[in-house]
Amino acid sequence: MLSTTGKPRVQTIQEINYATAATPFGRVLLAANEVAVCAISVGDSDAELLADVQAEFPAARLVKSADVQLKRWLNETVAWVRDGIKPRIPLDLHGTDFQLRVWRALQTIPRGVTKSYSDIARQIGSPRAVRAVANACGSNRIALLVPCHRVVRRGGGLGGYRGGVEHKRAMLAAERRQV
């Protein structure tokens, strides 16, 4: 599979550097490989977030880093949700063609706005693929910058969220306050 950076996904052991921060919407972990940001997770604890990233990249060696670039990307990511300041961060997304179409569609949802899974399915030209859209949202490794938290059930219910529905609620509330 290809990443959005155009480089083939490497299946060898790699080093992934990460940094964490406390935010108004939960703990955030940002991880980057030698190419770009490869994971952003939201949750309750650093241990939980680290376990999630390790499960996504089982062959990787995760290294906590004080790298200035990594910290800047983390701060820009948090500022995006909290203050609406759009970051310019390289993303290393990997997925099927369908998942990549869904993730690109998620990135078009404006801050403070939600869309339903069926809205996204129609937007990508697969109106009957509502469950597949939900699965693509659930497999999104780059939370916040690929804003799957902006996707809700057709009736407006929050539905699920990989990092927990309470974090999804807090992120949506933070975005709505800034719109």
Protein backbone atom coordinates (compact mmCIF):
# COMPACT_ATOMS: atom_id res chain seq x y z
CA MET A 1 0.00 0.00 0.00
CA LEU A 2 1.10 3.56 -0.57
CA SER A 3 1.13 6.34 1.94
CA THR A 4 -0.07 9.84 1.19
CA THR A 5 3.61 10.75 1.05
CA GLY A 6 3.93 8.45 -1.97
CA LYS A 7 6.44 6.16 -0.32
CA PRO A 8 5.76 2.44 -0.04
CA ARG A 9 4.90 1.13 3.40
CA VAL A 10 7.91 -0.58 4.92
CA GLN A 11 7.23 -3.79 6.85
CA THR A 12 10.61 -3.89 8.62
CA ILE A 13 11.26 -2.97 12.23
CA GLN A 14 11.27 0.77 12.45
CA GLU A 15 11.69 3.35 15.13
CA ILE A 16 8.69 5.50 15.87
CA ASN A 17 9.16 8.55 18.06
CA TYR A 18 6.28 9.87 20.12
CA ALA A 19 5.28 12.67 22.46
CA THR A 20 2.25 13.06 24.70
CA ALA A 21 0.32 15.97 26.17
CA ALA A 22 -2.64 16.67 28.42
CA THR A 23 -5.43 18.53 26.62
CA PRO A 24 -8.94 19.67 27.53
CA PHE A 25 -10.26 16.66 25.59
CA GLY A 26 -7.97 13.95 27.01
CA ARG A 27 -4.41 12.73 26.70
CA VAL A 28 -3.01 12.96 23.17
CA LEU A 29 -0.14 10.93 21.75
CA LEU A 30 1.47 11.94 18.46
CA ALA A 31 3.82 9.45 16.81
CA ALA A 32 6.07 9.96 13.81
CA ASN A 33 8.29 7.71 11.76
CA GLU A 34 11.16 8.90 9.56
CA VAL A 35 8.64 10.09 6.94
CA ALA A 36 5.84 11.92 8.78
CA VAL A 37 3.19 11.64 11.48
CA CYS A 38 1.91 8.07 11.44
CA ALA A 39 -0.42 8.06 14.47
CA ILE A 40 -2.33 10.42 16.71
CA SER A 41 -4.39 8.91 19.50
CA VAL A 42 -6.70 10.36 22.13
CA GLY A 43 -7.44 8.58 25.40
CA ASP A 44 -7.27 8.52 29.16
CA SER A 45 -3.62 7.66 29.85
CA ASP A 46 -0.24 7.58 28.19
CA ALA A 47 0.00 3.84 28.86
CA GLU A 48 -3.30 3.21 27.04
CA LEU A 49 -2.25 5.38 24.10
CA LEU A 50 1.17 3.77 23.87
CA ALA A 51 -0.39 0.29 23.89
CA ASP A 52 -2.74 1.37 21.09
CA VAL A 53 0.12 2.60 18.92
CA GLN A 54 2.20 -0.50 19.65
CA ALA A 55 -0.76 -2.67 18.58
CA GLU A 56 -0.99 -0.71 15.31
CA PHE A 57 2.75 -1.01 14.68
CA PRO A 58 3.76 -4.31 16.33
CA ALA A 59 7.17 -4.46 14.64
CA ALA A 60 8.11 -0.91 15.65
CA ARG A 61 10.28 0.24 18.50
CA LEU A 62 8.50 3.16 20.19
CA VAL A 63 10.73 5.85 21.64
CA LYS A 64 9.56 8.77 23.78
CA SER A 65 11.12 11.85 22.29
CA ALA A 66 11.74 15.45 23.24
CA ASP A 67 12.36 16.30 19.58
CA VAL A 68 11.44 19.92 18.89
CA GLN A 69 9.72 19.08 15.58
CA LEU A 70 7.61 16.37 17.22
CA LYS A 71 6.56 18.69 20.06
CA ARG A 72 5.69 21.41 17.54
CA TRP A 73 3.50 19.00 15.58
CA LEU A 74 1.79 17.92 18.80
CA ASN A 75 1.15 21.53 19.82
CA GLU A 76 -0.18 22.37 16.33
CA THR A 77 -2.51 19.36 16.44
CA VAL A 78 -3.95 20.39 19.80
CA ALA A 79 -4.27 24.01 18.64
CA TRP A 80 -6.22 22.80 15.60
CA VAL A 81 -8.97 21.32 17.76
CA ARG A 82 -8.82 23.88 20.55
CA ASP A 83 -8.33 27.11 18.58
CA GLY A 84 -8.94 26.32 14.91
CA ILE A 85 -5.37 27.06 13.82
CA LYS A 86 -4.89 24.74 10.85
CA PRO A 87 -1.58 22.89 11.01
CA ARG A 88 0.73 22.01 8.15
CA ILE A 89 1.86 18.57 9.22
CA PRO A 90 2.95 15.77 6.89
CA LEU A 91 0.83 12.65 7.33
CA ASP A 92 1.88 9.08 6.59
CA LEU A 93 -1.50 7.44 6.00
CA HIS A 94 -1.78 3.79 5.04
CA GLY A 95 -4.97 2.06 4.05
CA THR A 96 -6.99 0.59 1.25
CA ASP A 97 -8.15 2.83 -1.57
CA PHE A 98 -11.59 2.91 0.07
CA GLN A 99 -10.18 3.91 3.47
CA LEU A 100 -8.08 6.65 1.90
CA ARG A 101 -11.17 8.02 0.13
CA VAL A 102 -13.04 8.08 3.44
CA TRP A 103 -10.15 9.73 5.27
CA ARG A 104 -9.83 12.40 2.58
CA ALA A 105 -13.58 13.07 2.88
CA LEU A 106 -13.25 13.42 6.66
CA GLN A 107 -10.63 16.11 6.15
CA THR A 108 -13.19 18.20 4.24
CA ILE A 109 -15.64 18.39 7.16
CA PRO A 110 -15.41 21.93 8.57
CA ARG A 111 -14.68 22.50 12.25
CA GLY A 112 -17.79 22.60 14.36
CA VAL A 113 -19.74 20.57 11.79
CA THR A 114 -20.68 16.91 11.91
CA LYS A 115 -21.70 14.56 9.13
CA SER A 116 -23.27 11.15 9.30
CA TYR A 117 -21.66 7.95 8.14
CA SER A 118 -24.23 7.85 5.33
CA ASP A 119 -23.31 11.45 4.34
CA ILE A 120 -19.69 10.35 3.95
CA ALA A 121 -20.70 7.23 2.02
CA ARG A 122 -22.66 9.39 -0.44
CA GLN A 123 -19.83 11.94 -0.64
CA ILE A 124 -17.32 9.30 -1.75
CA GLY A 125 -19.74 7.80 -4.27
CA SER A 126 -20.57 4.62 -2.33
CA PRO A 127 -23.97 5.39 -0.78
CA ARG A 128 -24.57 1.80 0.33
CA ALA A 129 -21.19 1.45 2.08
CA VAL A 130 -22.26 3.03 5.39
CA ARG A 131 -20.80 0.24 7.54
CA ALA A 132 -17.58 0.26 5.56
CA VAL A 133 -17.32 4.02 6.20
CA ALA A 134 -17.80 3.37 9.92
CA ASN A 135 -15.08 0.71 9.80
CA ALA A 136 -12.74 3.09 7.98
CA CYS A 137 -13.37 5.70 10.67
CA GLY A 138 -12.60 3.11 13.34
CA SER A 139 -9.33 2.16 11.67
CA ASN A 140 -8.13 5.74 11.30
CA ARG A 141 -4.72 5.97 12.97
CA ILE A 142 -4.44 9.74 12.77
CA ALA A 143 -7.15 11.12 15.00
CA LEU A 144 -7.79 14.86 15.11
CA LEU A 145 -6.05 15.65 11.79
CA VAL A 146 -8.20 13.05 10.03
CA PRO A 147 -11.23 14.11 12.07
CA CYS A 148 -13.30 10.96 12.45
CA HIS A 149 -14.70 12.54 15.63
CA ARG A 150 -16.83 14.74 13.32
CA VAL A 151 -18.76 11.71 12.04
CA VAL A 152 -21.93 10.80 13.92
CA ARG A 153 -24.94 8.56 13.49
CA ARG A 154 -27.68 9.64 11.11
CA GLY A 155 -29.94 10.76 13.98
CA GLY A 156 -27.14 12.84 15.51
CA GLY A 157 -26.05 10.36 18.18
CA LEU A 158 -22.31 10.31 18.73
CA GLY A 159 -21.88 6.63 17.94
CA GLY A 160 -18.52 5.12 18.78
CA TYR A 161 -15.05 6.56 18.92
CA ARG A 162 -11.77 4.73 19.14
CA GLY A 163 -10.55 6.98 21.97
CA GLY A 164 -13.87 6.92 23.84
CA VAL A 165 -17.13 8.75 23.27
CA GLU A 166 -16.45 11.19 26.14
CA HIS A 167 -13.33 12.41 24.31
CA LYS A 168 -15.30 12.72 21.07
CA ARG A 169 -17.91 14.83 22.88
CA ALA A 170 -15.18 17.07 24.36
CA MET A 171 -13.47 17.58 20.98
CA LEU A 172 -16.74 18.48 19.26
CA ALA A 173 -17.59 20.90 22.07
CA ALA A 174 -14.12 22.53 21.82
CA GLU A 175 -14.55 22.97 18.07
CA ARG A 176 -18.05 24.40 18.37
CA ARG A 177 -16.90 26.98 20.91
CA GLN A 178 -14.37 28.28 18.38
CA VAL A 179 -16.65 28.48 15.33
